[in-house]
Amino acid sequence: MNYQSSNYSPNTQFSIFPPAVKHLLIVNVLVFVATFTPGIGPILQRYGPLYPVSSGNFYIWQIVTYMFMHAGFTHIFFNLFALWMFGQSVENFWGTRRFTVYYFLTGIGAALLHMLVGVSAPTLGASGAVYGILLAFGMMFPNRIIMFIFPPIPIKAKYFVAIFGAIELFSGISGSNAGIAHFAHLGGMLVGFILIKYWGLKSEDSYY
């Protein structure tokens, strides 16, 4: 289907676990378990994360495999929870094929920007692609209400995403919260914005 055609209409079928989100969740969990499994675990930890090019440990496949590596339970839980929370709506709206392409391109874009800015340590986690999904949610459903947890304040998705983007930009420039790949998060959002504009995808509000 041509998503830039004037005849395009969004998917109206809803699934709480659409195919791409479901399979991404499963694969991430399987890789996480394998990472701590004797035998295969050390191999994944050696070749899976995104290493600096200058380290001598960089391999081109790492711009993809790093997205499926996580450091611990808290790391993977929050990434996968956000992927499910925001990703299900985006995939249901766009369809599985478009969502899958978008997810991997934003994750790869996040890796490339992070490497361009400068990587001093191995990087791992799905958060670059997840921030791309967050950006897509804010652009596709700008007026949906999201509840901040601390404090519990209702806020429109477009403002929620803008706040998170501003926090990441400030943190990346200031160097605060060391150990967090802020520019990878921004890279995921930047590539996501470019893709949505290039594909000419419209928000939910445009169809009502």
N, C-alpha and C. Protein backbone atom coordinates (compact mmCIF):
# COMPACT_ATOMS: atom_id res chain seq x y z
N MET A 1 0.84 -1.20 0.00
CA MET A 1 0.00 0.00 0.00
C MET A 1 0.87 1.24 0.00
N ASN A 2 0.49 2.24 -0.75
CA ASN A 2 1.23 3.49 -0.81
C ASN A 2 0.77 4.42 0.32
N TYR A 3 1.64 4.62 1.30
CA TYR A 3 1.26 5.41 2.46
C TYR A 3 1.33 6.90 2.20
N GLN A 4 1.79 7.28 1.02
CA GLN A 4 1.79 8.70 0.68
C GLN A 4 0.63 9.03 -0.25
N SER A 5 -0.15 8.04 -0.60
CA SER A 5 -1.28 8.25 -1.50
C SER A 5 -2.43 8.93 -0.77
N SER A 6 -3.18 9.73 -1.49
CA SER A 6 -4.35 10.39 -0.89
C SER A 6 -5.44 9.38 -0.57
N ASN A 7 -5.30 8.15 -1.11
CA ASN A 7 -6.30 7.11 -0.85
C ASN A 7 -5.99 6.31 0.41
N TYR A 8 -4.85 6.61 1.04
CA TYR A 8 -4.48 5.85 2.23
C TYR A 8 -5.41 6.17 3.40
N SER A 9 -5.81 5.13 4.10
CA SER A 9 -6.57 5.31 5.34
C SER A 9 -5.95 4.41 6.39
N PRO A 10 -5.90 4.85 7.65
CA PRO A 10 -5.23 4.08 8.69
C PRO A 10 -5.95 2.78 8.99
N ASN A 11 -5.19 1.85 9.55
CA ASN A 11 -5.74 0.57 9.96
C ASN A 11 -6.73 0.80 11.10
N THR A 12 -7.90 0.20 11.02
CA THR A 12 -8.92 0.40 12.05
C THR A 12 -9.04 -0.80 12.99
N GLN A 13 -8.31 -1.89 12.70
CA GLN A 13 -8.34 -3.05 13.57
C GLN A 13 -7.38 -2.83 14.73
N PHE A 14 -7.79 -3.23 15.91
CA PHE A 14 -6.95 -2.99 17.09
C PHE A 14 -6.58 -4.30 17.75
N SER A 15 -5.30 -4.41 18.11
CA SER A 15 -4.82 -5.57 18.85
C SER A 15 -3.95 -5.07 19.99
N ILE A 16 -4.09 -5.65 21.15
CA ILE A 16 -3.29 -5.23 22.29
C ILE A 16 -1.85 -5.70 22.15
N PHE A 17 -1.65 -6.77 21.38
CA PHE A 17 -0.31 -7.25 21.06
C PHE A 17 -0.21 -7.48 19.56
N PRO A 18 -0.10 -6.41 18.77
CA PRO A 18 0.03 -6.58 17.32
C PRO A 18 1.33 -7.32 16.99
N PRO A 19 1.42 -7.93 15.79
CA PRO A 19 2.51 -8.86 15.48
C PRO A 19 3.92 -8.35 15.72
N ALA A 20 4.26 -7.17 15.21
CA ALA A 20 5.64 -6.68 15.34
C ALA A 20 6.00 -6.43 16.80
N VAL A 21 5.12 -5.76 17.53
CA VAL A 21 5.38 -5.49 18.94
C VAL A 21 5.53 -6.81 19.70
N LYS A 22 4.65 -7.74 19.44
CA LYS A 22 4.70 -9.03 20.13
C LYS A 22 6.02 -9.74 19.89
N HIS A 23 6.42 -9.81 18.63
CA HIS A 23 7.65 -10.53 18.31
C HIS A 23 8.89 -9.80 18.80
N LEU A 24 8.87 -8.47 18.80
CA LEU A 24 9.99 -7.72 19.35
C LEU A 24 10.12 -7.96 20.85
N LEU A 25 9.00 -8.02 21.54
CA LEU A 25 9.02 -8.31 22.98
C LEU A 25 9.61 -9.69 23.23
N ILE A 26 9.16 -10.67 22.46
CA ILE A 26 9.61 -12.05 22.64
C ILE A 26 11.11 -12.17 22.37
N VAL A 27 11.56 -11.61 21.26
CA VAL A 27 12.97 -11.72 20.90
C VAL A 27 13.85 -11.02 21.93
N ASN A 28 13.43 -9.86 22.40
CA ASN A 28 14.21 -9.15 23.42
C ASN A 28 14.34 -9.97 24.69
N VAL A 29 13.25 -10.59 25.11
CA VAL A 29 13.29 -11.40 26.32
C VAL A 29 14.18 -12.63 26.12
N LEU A 30 14.07 -13.28 24.97
CA LEU A 30 14.89 -14.46 24.70
C LEU A 30 16.38 -14.12 24.68
N VAL A 31 16.72 -12.99 24.04
CA VAL A 31 18.12 -12.57 24.01
C VAL A 31 18.60 -12.21 25.41
N PHE A 32 17.73 -11.57 26.19
CA PHE A 32 18.10 -11.21 27.56
C PHE A 32 18.42 -12.45 28.38
N VAL A 33 17.59 -13.46 28.28
CA VAL A 33 17.83 -14.71 29.00
C VAL A 33 19.11 -15.37 28.50
N ALA A 34 19.30 -15.37 27.18
CA ALA A 34 20.50 -16.00 26.60
C ALA A 34 21.77 -15.28 27.03
N THR A 35 21.67 -13.97 27.25
CA THR A 35 22.84 -13.18 27.64
C THR A 35 23.43 -13.68 28.95
N PHE A 36 22.60 -14.22 29.81
CA PHE A 36 23.06 -14.68 31.12
C PHE A 36 23.11 -16.21 31.20
N THR A 37 23.12 -16.84 30.03
CA THR A 37 23.19 -18.30 29.96
C THR A 37 24.62 -18.73 29.67
N PRO A 38 25.17 -19.66 30.46
CA PRO A 38 26.54 -20.13 30.21
C PRO A 38 26.70 -20.64 28.79
N GLY A 39 27.84 -20.35 28.20
CA GLY A 39 28.11 -20.79 26.84
C GLY A 39 27.81 -19.71 25.83
N ILE A 40 26.53 -19.42 25.62
CA ILE A 40 26.15 -18.42 24.63
C ILE A 40 26.22 -17.01 25.18
N GLY A 41 26.05 -16.86 26.50
CA GLY A 41 26.06 -15.53 27.11
C GLY A 41 27.32 -14.73 26.83
N PRO A 42 28.51 -15.27 27.10
CA PRO A 42 29.74 -14.52 26.82
C PRO A 42 29.91 -14.13 25.35
N ILE A 43 29.42 -14.96 24.44
CA ILE A 43 29.51 -14.64 23.01
C ILE A 43 28.63 -13.43 22.69
N LEU A 44 27.40 -13.44 23.22
CA LEU A 44 26.49 -12.31 23.00
C LEU A 44 27.05 -11.03 23.60
N GLN A 45 27.60 -11.14 24.80
CA GLN A 45 28.14 -9.96 25.47
C GLN A 45 29.38 -9.42 24.77
N ARG A 46 30.08 -10.28 24.08
CA ARG A 46 31.29 -9.86 23.37
C ARG A 46 30.96 -9.23 22.02
N TYR A 47 30.00 -9.79 21.29
CA TYR A 47 29.75 -9.36 19.92
C TYR A 47 28.43 -8.61 19.72
N GLY A 48 27.56 -8.56 20.72
CA GLY A 48 26.25 -7.96 20.56
C GLY A 48 26.16 -6.47 20.78
N PRO A 49 26.78 -5.92 21.84
CA PRO A 49 26.67 -4.49 22.09
C PRO A 49 27.33 -3.65 21.00
N LEU A 50 27.02 -2.37 20.99
CA LEU A 50 27.61 -1.43 20.03
C LEU A 50 28.91 -0.89 20.62
N TYR A 51 30.03 -1.31 20.06
CA TYR A 51 31.33 -0.87 20.54
C TYR A 51 31.83 0.34 19.74
N PRO A 52 32.67 1.17 20.34
CA PRO A 52 33.28 2.26 19.58
C PRO A 52 34.12 1.69 18.42
N VAL A 53 34.10 2.38 17.30
CA VAL A 53 34.86 1.93 16.14
C VAL A 53 36.34 1.83 16.48
N SER A 54 36.82 2.77 17.27
CA SER A 54 38.24 2.81 17.61
C SER A 54 38.67 1.71 18.57
N SER A 55 37.72 1.00 19.15
CA SER A 55 38.04 -0.02 20.15
C SER A 55 38.64 -1.29 19.54
N GLY A 56 38.38 -1.49 18.24
CA GLY A 56 38.81 -2.72 17.62
C GLY A 56 37.82 -3.86 17.81
N ASN A 57 36.76 -3.59 18.55
CA ASN A 57 35.74 -4.61 18.81
C ASN A 57 34.44 -4.33 18.06
N PHE A 58 34.46 -3.32 17.19
CA PHE A 58 33.25 -2.96 16.46
C PHE A 58 33.06 -3.85 15.24
N TYR A 59 31.80 -4.30 15.06
CA TYR A 59 31.39 -5.04 13.87
C TYR A 59 30.10 -4.41 13.37
N ILE A 60 29.93 -4.39 12.05
CA ILE A 60 28.83 -3.64 11.45
C ILE A 60 27.47 -4.12 11.94
N TRP A 61 27.34 -5.41 12.25
CA TRP A 61 26.03 -5.91 12.70
C TRP A 61 25.61 -5.35 14.05
N GLN A 62 26.55 -4.75 14.77
CA GLN A 62 26.23 -4.24 16.10
C GLN A 62 25.26 -3.06 16.08
N ILE A 63 25.13 -2.37 14.92
CA ILE A 63 24.16 -1.28 14.83
C ILE A 63 22.73 -1.81 14.88
N VAL A 64 22.58 -3.13 14.76
CA VAL A 64 21.26 -3.77 14.91
C VAL A 64 21.20 -4.59 16.19
N THR A 65 22.23 -5.39 16.44
CA THR A 65 22.17 -6.31 17.59
C THR A 65 22.13 -5.59 18.93
N TYR A 66 22.70 -4.39 18.99
CA TYR A 66 22.71 -3.68 20.27
C TYR A 66 21.30 -3.40 20.78
N MET A 67 20.34 -3.31 19.84
CA MET A 67 18.95 -3.02 20.20
C MET A 67 18.31 -4.14 21.00
N PHE A 68 18.88 -5.33 20.94
CA PHE A 68 18.30 -6.48 21.61
C PHE A 68 19.07 -6.88 22.86
N MET A 69 20.06 -6.08 23.23
CA MET A 69 20.88 -6.35 24.40
C MET A 69 20.48 -5.41 25.54
N HIS A 70 20.41 -5.96 26.75
CA HIS A 70 20.07 -5.13 27.92
C HIS A 70 20.94 -5.51 29.11
N ALA A 71 21.21 -4.51 29.94
CA ALA A 71 22.16 -4.70 31.04
C ALA A 71 21.56 -5.40 32.25
N GLY A 72 20.27 -5.26 32.45
CA GLY A 72 19.65 -5.84 33.63
C GLY A 72 18.14 -5.81 33.53
N PHE A 73 17.46 -6.31 34.57
CA PHE A 73 16.01 -6.44 34.53
C PHE A 73 15.33 -5.09 34.42
N THR A 74 15.77 -4.10 35.20
CA THR A 74 15.14 -2.78 35.15
C THR A 74 15.28 -2.15 33.76
N HIS A 75 16.45 -2.31 33.18
CA HIS A 75 16.73 -1.77 31.85
C HIS A 75 15.76 -2.35 30.82
N ILE A 76 15.65 -3.66 30.78
CA ILE A 76 14.79 -4.28 29.77
C ILE A 76 13.32 -4.06 30.09
N PHE A 77 12.96 -4.03 31.36
CA PHE A 77 11.55 -3.86 31.72
C PHE A 77 11.00 -2.53 31.22
N PHE A 78 11.70 -1.44 31.51
CA PHE A 78 11.19 -0.13 31.13
C PHE A 78 11.22 0.07 29.61
N ASN A 79 12.25 -0.46 28.95
CA ASN A 79 12.28 -0.35 27.50
C ASN A 79 11.13 -1.11 26.85
N LEU A 80 10.90 -2.33 27.30
CA LEU A 80 9.85 -3.14 26.68
C LEU A 80 8.46 -2.66 27.08
N PHE A 81 8.33 -2.13 28.28
CA PHE A 81 7.04 -1.57 28.69
C PHE A 81 6.68 -0.38 27.81
N ALA A 82 7.66 0.49 27.55
CA ALA A 82 7.42 1.65 26.69
C ALA A 82 7.15 1.22 25.26
N LEU A 83 7.89 0.20 24.79
CA LEU A 83 7.65 -0.32 23.44
C LEU A 83 6.22 -0.81 23.30
N TRP A 84 5.75 -1.55 24.29
CA TRP A 84 4.37 -2.06 24.24
C TRP A 84 3.36 -0.93 24.41
N MET A 85 3.58 -0.05 25.37
CA MET A 85 2.62 1.00 25.69
C MET A 85 2.37 1.92 24.50
N PHE A 86 3.44 2.36 23.84
CA PHE A 86 3.29 3.29 22.72
C PHE A 86 3.28 2.57 21.37
N GLY A 87 4.00 1.47 21.27
CA GLY A 87 4.13 0.78 20.00
C GLY A 87 2.85 0.13 19.51
N GLN A 88 2.02 -0.37 20.42
CA GLN A 88 0.80 -1.04 19.99
C GLN A 88 -0.12 -0.08 19.23
N SER A 89 -0.23 1.14 19.71
CA SER A 89 -1.09 2.12 19.03
C SER A 89 -0.53 2.49 17.67
N VAL A 90 0.80 2.69 17.60
CA VAL A 90 1.43 3.08 16.34
C VAL A 90 1.31 1.95 15.32
N GLU A 91 1.59 0.71 15.74
CA GLU A 91 1.49 -0.41 14.80
C GLU A 91 0.06 -0.63 14.34
N ASN A 92 -0.89 -0.54 15.25
CA ASN A 92 -2.29 -0.69 14.87
C ASN A 92 -2.71 0.38 13.87
N PHE A 93 -2.14 1.56 13.99
CA PHE A 93 -2.49 2.69 13.12
C PHE A 93 -1.82 2.58 11.76
N TRP A 94 -0.55 2.20 11.74
CA TRP A 94 0.23 2.14 10.51
C TRP A 94 0.16 0.81 9.79
N GLY A 95 0.03 -0.26 10.57
CA GLY A 95 0.20 -1.59 10.01
C GLY A 95 1.57 -2.14 10.37
N THR A 96 1.70 -3.47 10.35
CA THR A 96 2.91 -4.12 10.83
C THR A 96 4.14 -3.82 9.98
N ARG A 97 3.99 -3.84 8.67
CA ARG A 97 5.14 -3.65 7.79
C ARG A 97 5.77 -2.28 8.00
N ARG A 98 4.97 -1.23 7.96
CA ARG A 98 5.49 0.12 8.12
C ARG A 98 6.11 0.28 9.51
N PHE A 99 5.46 -0.25 10.51
CA PHE A 99 5.97 -0.14 11.88
C PHE A 99 7.33 -0.81 12.02
N THR A 100 7.47 -2.00 11.45
CA THR A 100 8.72 -2.75 11.56
C THR A 100 9.88 -2.02 10.89
N VAL A 101 9.63 -1.52 9.68
CA VAL A 101 10.67 -0.74 8.98
C VAL A 101 11.06 0.47 9.81
N TYR A 102 10.08 1.16 10.33
CA TYR A 102 10.32 2.36 11.15
C TYR A 102 11.14 2.03 12.39
N TYR A 103 10.78 0.97 13.06
CA TYR A 103 11.46 0.59 14.30
C TYR A 103 12.95 0.36 14.05
N PHE A 104 13.27 -0.43 13.03
CA PHE A 104 14.67 -0.75 12.79
C PHE A 104 15.45 0.45 12.25
N LEU A 105 14.84 1.26 11.43
CA LEU A 105 15.54 2.44 10.91
C LEU A 105 15.82 3.45 12.02
N THR A 106 14.89 3.63 12.94
CA THR A 106 15.14 4.57 14.04
C THR A 106 16.21 4.02 14.98
N GLY A 107 16.20 2.71 15.19
CA GLY A 107 17.23 2.10 16.03
C GLY A 107 18.61 2.22 15.42
N ILE A 108 18.71 2.00 14.11
CA ILE A 108 19.98 2.14 13.41
C ILE A 108 20.42 3.60 13.39
N GLY A 109 19.48 4.50 13.13
CA GLY A 109 19.79 5.93 13.15
C GLY A 109 20.29 6.38 14.51
N ALA A 110 19.70 5.84 15.57
CA ALA A 110 20.14 6.17 16.92
C ALA A 110 21.58 5.73 17.13
N ALA A 111 21.93 4.55 16.64
CA ALA A 111 23.30 4.04 16.77
C ALA A 111 24.29 4.93 16.02
N LEU A 112 23.92 5.33 14.80
CA LEU A 112 24.83 6.12 13.98
C LEU A 112 25.08 7.50 14.57
N LEU A 113 24.02 8.16 15.07
CA LEU A 113 24.22 9.47 15.69
C LEU A 113 25.05 9.35 16.96
N HIS A 114 24.78 8.31 17.73
CA HIS A 114 25.55 8.08 18.96
C HIS A 114 27.02 7.88 18.65
N MET A 115 27.31 7.13 17.58
CA MET A 115 28.70 6.90 17.18
C MET A 115 29.34 8.19 16.66
N LEU A 116 28.55 8.99 15.95
CA LEU A 116 29.06 10.24 15.39
C LEU A 116 29.45 11.21 16.50
N VAL A 117 28.63 11.28 17.54
CA VAL A 117 28.92 12.17 18.66
C VAL A 117 30.14 11.69 19.43
N GLY A 118 30.29 10.37 19.50
CA GLY A 118 31.44 9.81 20.21
C GLY A 118 31.01 8.78 21.23
N VAL A 119 31.45 7.55 21.04
CA VAL A 119 31.13 6.46 21.95
C VAL A 119 32.38 6.10 22.73
N SER A 120 32.30 6.14 24.02
CA SER A 120 33.47 5.82 24.85
C SER A 120 33.35 4.46 25.52
N ALA A 121 32.19 3.85 25.42
CA ALA A 121 31.96 2.56 26.07
C ALA A 121 30.92 1.79 25.26
N PRO A 122 30.84 0.48 25.43
CA PRO A 122 29.81 -0.29 24.72
C PRO A 122 28.41 0.22 25.04
N THR A 123 27.56 0.25 24.04
CA THR A 123 26.19 0.74 24.18
C THR A 123 25.23 -0.38 23.88
N LEU A 124 24.18 -0.48 24.66
CA LEU A 124 23.19 -1.52 24.44
C LEU A 124 21.82 -1.05 24.92
N GLY A 125 20.77 -1.65 24.33
CA GLY A 125 19.41 -1.32 24.73
C GLY A 125 18.54 -0.89 23.57
N ALA A 126 17.25 -1.07 23.73
CA ALA A 126 16.28 -0.74 22.68
C ALA A 126 15.81 0.70 22.74
N SER A 127 16.37 1.49 23.64
CA SER A 127 15.79 2.81 23.91
C SER A 127 15.88 3.77 22.73
N GLY A 128 16.89 3.63 21.86
CA GLY A 128 16.94 4.51 20.69
C GLY A 128 15.73 4.33 19.80
N ALA A 129 15.39 3.06 19.51
CA ALA A 129 14.20 2.77 18.71
C ALA A 129 12.93 3.11 19.47
N VAL A 130 12.94 2.88 20.79
CA VAL A 130 11.77 3.19 21.61
C VAL A 130 11.48 4.68 21.61
N TYR A 131 12.52 5.50 21.65
CA TYR A 131 12.31 6.95 21.57
C TYR A 131 11.76 7.33 20.19
N GLY A 132 12.16 6.58 19.16
CA GLY A 132 11.56 6.80 17.85
C GLY A 132 10.07 6.50 17.86
N ILE A 133 9.69 5.43 18.56
CA ILE A 133 8.28 5.06 18.69
C ILE A 133 7.54 6.12 19.51
N LEU A 134 8.18 6.61 20.55
CA LEU A 134 7.57 7.67 21.36
C LEU A 134 7.29 8.90 20.51
N LEU A 135 8.26 9.27 19.66
CA LEU A 135 8.08 10.41 18.77
C LEU A 135 6.92 10.17 17.83
N ALA A 136 6.83 8.95 17.28
CA ALA A 136 5.74 8.61 16.37
C ALA A 136 4.39 8.70 17.07
N PHE A 137 4.33 8.24 18.31
CA PHE A 137 3.08 8.32 19.07
C PHE A 137 2.65 9.77 19.23
N GLY A 138 3.60 10.63 19.58
CA GLY A 138 3.28 12.04 19.77
C GLY A 138 2.82 12.71 18.49
N MET A 139 3.37 12.30 17.35
CA MET A 139 2.99 12.91 16.08
C MET A 139 1.70 12.32 15.52
N MET A 140 1.47 11.04 15.75
CA MET A 140 0.26 10.40 15.23
C MET A 140 -0.96 10.64 16.11
N PHE A 141 -0.73 10.76 17.41
CA PHE A 141 -1.84 10.94 18.36
C PHE A 141 -1.55 12.14 19.26
N PRO A 142 -1.39 13.32 18.69
CA PRO A 142 -0.90 14.47 19.45
C PRO A 142 -1.79 14.89 20.61
N ASN A 143 -3.08 14.64 20.51
CA ASN A 143 -3.99 15.13 21.55
C ASN A 143 -4.48 14.06 22.51
N ARG A 144 -3.94 12.85 22.37
CA ARG A 144 -4.27 11.82 23.36
C ARG A 144 -3.65 12.19 24.70
N ILE A 145 -4.33 11.82 25.76
CA ILE A 145 -3.88 12.19 27.10
C ILE A 145 -3.01 11.08 27.68
N ILE A 146 -1.84 11.47 28.18
CA ILE A 146 -0.93 10.56 28.88
C ILE A 146 -0.83 11.05 30.31
N MET A 147 -0.77 10.11 31.24
CA MET A 147 -0.69 10.48 32.65
C MET A 147 0.74 10.40 33.13
N PHE A 148 1.30 11.54 33.54
CA PHE A 148 2.59 11.51 34.21
C PHE A 148 2.44 10.73 35.51
N ILE A 149 3.43 9.92 35.82
CA ILE A 149 3.35 9.11 37.05
C ILE A 149 3.77 9.95 38.25
N PHE A 150 4.88 10.67 38.12
CA PHE A 150 5.37 11.49 39.23
C PHE A 150 5.67 12.89 38.71
N PRO A 151 4.81 13.86 39.03
CA PRO A 151 3.50 13.74 39.69
C PRO A 151 2.44 13.26 38.71
N PRO A 152 1.32 12.75 39.22
CA PRO A 152 0.25 12.24 38.34
C PRO A 152 -0.54 13.36 37.68
N ILE A 153 -0.01 13.88 36.56
CA ILE A 153 -0.62 15.01 35.87
C ILE A 153 -0.98 14.57 34.45
N PRO A 154 -2.22 14.76 34.02
CA PRO A 154 -2.58 14.42 32.64
C PRO A 154 -1.99 15.45 31.68
N ILE A 155 -1.44 14.97 30.55
CA ILE A 155 -0.80 15.86 29.58
C ILE A 155 -0.99 15.28 28.18
N LYS A 156 -1.15 16.15 27.20
CA LYS A 156 -1.31 15.70 25.83
C LYS A 156 -0.01 15.08 25.33
N ALA A 157 -0.15 14.08 24.46
CA ALA A 157 1.01 13.33 23.97
C ALA A 157 2.05 14.24 23.33
N LYS A 158 1.62 15.24 22.57
CA LYS A 158 2.57 16.10 21.87
C LYS A 158 3.45 16.88 22.85
N TYR A 159 2.89 17.26 23.98
CA TYR A 159 3.68 17.97 24.98
C TYR A 159 4.56 17.00 25.76
N PHE A 160 4.03 15.82 26.01
CA PHE A 160 4.78 14.78 26.71
C PHE A 160 6.06 14.45 25.94
N VAL A 161 5.93 14.27 24.63
CA VAL A 161 7.08 13.94 23.79
C VAL A 161 8.05 15.12 23.73
N ALA A 162 7.52 16.32 23.61
CA ALA A 162 8.38 17.51 23.55
C ALA A 162 9.21 17.65 24.82
N ILE A 163 8.59 17.38 25.96
CA ILE A 163 9.30 17.47 27.24
C ILE A 163 10.43 16.45 27.30
N PHE A 164 10.13 15.21 26.89
CA PHE A 164 11.16 14.18 26.92
C PHE A 164 12.30 14.51 25.96
N GLY A 165 11.95 15.03 24.79
CA GLY A 165 12.97 15.41 23.83
C GLY A 165 13.87 16.51 24.37
N ALA A 166 13.26 17.50 25.03
CA ALA A 166 14.03 18.61 25.61
C ALA A 166 14.94 18.12 26.72
N ILE A 167 14.45 17.21 27.54
CA ILE A 167 15.27 16.64 28.61
C ILE A 167 16.48 15.92 28.05
N GLU A 168 16.26 15.12 27.00
CA GLU A 168 17.37 14.39 26.39
C GLU A 168 18.38 15.34 25.77
N LEU A 169 17.90 16.39 25.10
CA LEU A 169 18.81 17.36 24.49
C LEU A 169 19.64 18.06 25.55
N PHE A 170 19.00 18.51 26.60
CA PHE A 170 19.71 19.20 27.68
C PHE A 170 20.72 18.26 28.34
N SER A 171 20.29 17.03 28.61
CA SER A 171 21.17 16.07 29.27
C SER A 171 22.36 15.72 28.39
N GLY A 172 22.11 15.59 27.08
CA GLY A 172 23.20 15.26 26.17
C GLY A 172 24.21 16.38 26.07
N ILE A 173 23.75 17.62 25.96
CA ILE A 173 24.65 18.76 25.82
C ILE A 173 25.41 19.03 27.11
N SER A 174 24.69 18.92 28.24
CA SER A 174 25.30 19.23 29.53
C SER A 174 26.18 18.10 30.06
N GLY A 175 25.98 16.90 29.52
CA GLY A 175 26.77 15.77 30.00
C GLY A 175 26.27 15.20 31.30
N SER A 176 25.06 15.57 31.73
CA SER A 176 24.49 15.03 32.96
C SER A 176 23.99 13.62 32.71
N ASN A 177 23.76 12.90 33.79
CA ASN A 177 23.31 11.50 33.72
C ASN A 177 24.26 10.67 32.87
N ALA A 178 25.52 10.71 33.22
CA ALA A 178 26.54 9.95 32.49
C ALA A 178 26.17 8.47 32.49
N GLY A 179 26.46 7.81 31.39
CA GLY A 179 26.14 6.40 31.28
C GLY A 179 24.86 6.15 30.51
N ILE A 180 24.11 7.22 30.23
CA ILE A 180 22.88 7.12 29.44
C ILE A 180 23.14 7.70 28.05
N ALA A 181 22.75 6.96 27.03
CA ALA A 181 23.04 7.36 25.64
C ALA A 181 22.01 8.37 25.15
N HIS A 182 22.13 9.60 25.62
CA HIS A 182 21.14 10.64 25.30
C HIS A 182 21.08 10.93 23.80
N PHE A 183 22.24 10.94 23.15
CA PHE A 183 22.24 11.25 21.72
C PHE A 183 21.70 10.09 20.89
N ALA A 184 21.75 8.89 21.42
CA ALA A 184 21.08 7.76 20.75
C ALA A 184 19.57 7.96 20.81
N HIS A 185 19.08 8.40 21.96
CA HIS A 185 17.64 8.68 22.09
C HIS A 185 17.23 9.79 21.11
N LEU A 186 18.03 10.84 21.06
CA LEU A 186 17.73 11.94 20.14
C LEU A 186 17.84 11.48 18.69
N GLY A 187 18.78 10.58 18.41
CA GLY A 187 18.92 10.06 17.07
C GLY A 187 17.69 9.28 16.64
N GLY A 188 17.15 8.49 17.55
CA GLY A 188 15.93 7.76 17.25
C GLY A 188 14.77 8.69 16.95
N MET A 189 14.66 9.77 17.71
CA MET A 189 13.59 10.74 17.49
C MET A 189 13.79 11.51 16.19
N LEU A 190 15.04 11.88 15.91
CA LEU A 190 15.33 12.64 14.70
C LEU A 190 15.03 11.83 13.44
N VAL A 191 15.51 10.59 13.41
CA VAL A 191 15.25 9.73 12.25
C VAL A 191 13.75 9.46 12.12
N GLY A 192 13.08 9.27 13.25
CA GLY A 192 11.64 9.05 13.22
C GLY A 192 10.91 10.23 12.62
N PHE A 193 11.29 11.43 13.01
CA PHE A 193 10.66 12.64 12.46
C PHE A 193 10.87 12.73 10.95
N ILE A 194 12.10 12.46 10.52
CA ILE A 194 12.41 12.52 9.08
C ILE A 194 11.58 11.49 8.31
N LEU A 195 11.48 10.28 8.84
CA LEU A 195 10.73 9.23 8.15
C LEU A 195 9.25 9.58 8.04
N ILE A 196 8.68 10.07 9.12
CA ILE A 196 7.25 10.41 9.11
C ILE A 196 6.97 11.52 8.11
N LYS A 197 7.84 12.50 8.06
CA LYS A 197 7.66 13.58 7.09
C LYS A 197 7.88 13.09 5.66
N TYR A 198 8.89 12.25 5.47
CA TYR A 198 9.19 11.74 4.13
C TYR A 198 8.05 10.86 3.61
N TRP A 199 7.51 10.03 4.49
CA TRP A 199 6.39 9.16 4.09
C TRP A 199 5.07 9.92 3.98
N GLY A 200 5.02 11.11 4.51
CA GLY A 200 3.80 11.90 4.45
C GLY A 200 2.69 11.35 5.32
N LEU A 201 3.03 10.74 6.44
CA LEU A 201 2.02 10.14 7.31
C LEU A 201 1.31 11.22 8.12
N LYS A 202 0.01 11.08 8.22
CA LYS A 202 -0.81 12.07 8.91
C LYS A 202 -1.22 11.57 10.28
N SER A 203 -1.54 12.51 11.14
CA SER A 203 -1.95 12.16 12.51
C SER A 203 -3.39 11.64 12.52
N GLU A 204 -3.72 11.04 13.64
CA GLU A 204 -5.07 10.53 13.84
C GLU A 204 -6.12 11.61 13.64
N ASP A 205 -5.82 12.81 14.07
CA ASP A 205 -6.79 13.91 14.00
C ASP A 205 -7.12 14.28 12.56
N SER A 206 -6.23 13.96 11.62
CA SER A 206 -6.44 14.32 10.22
C SER A 206 -7.56 13.53 9.56
N TYR A 207 -7.95 12.43 10.19
CA TYR A 207 -8.97 11.56 9.59
C TYR A 207 -10.35 11.74 10.21
N TYR A 208 -10.44 12.73 11.12
CA TYR A 208 -11.74 12.94 11.77
C TYR A 208 -12.18 14.38 11.63
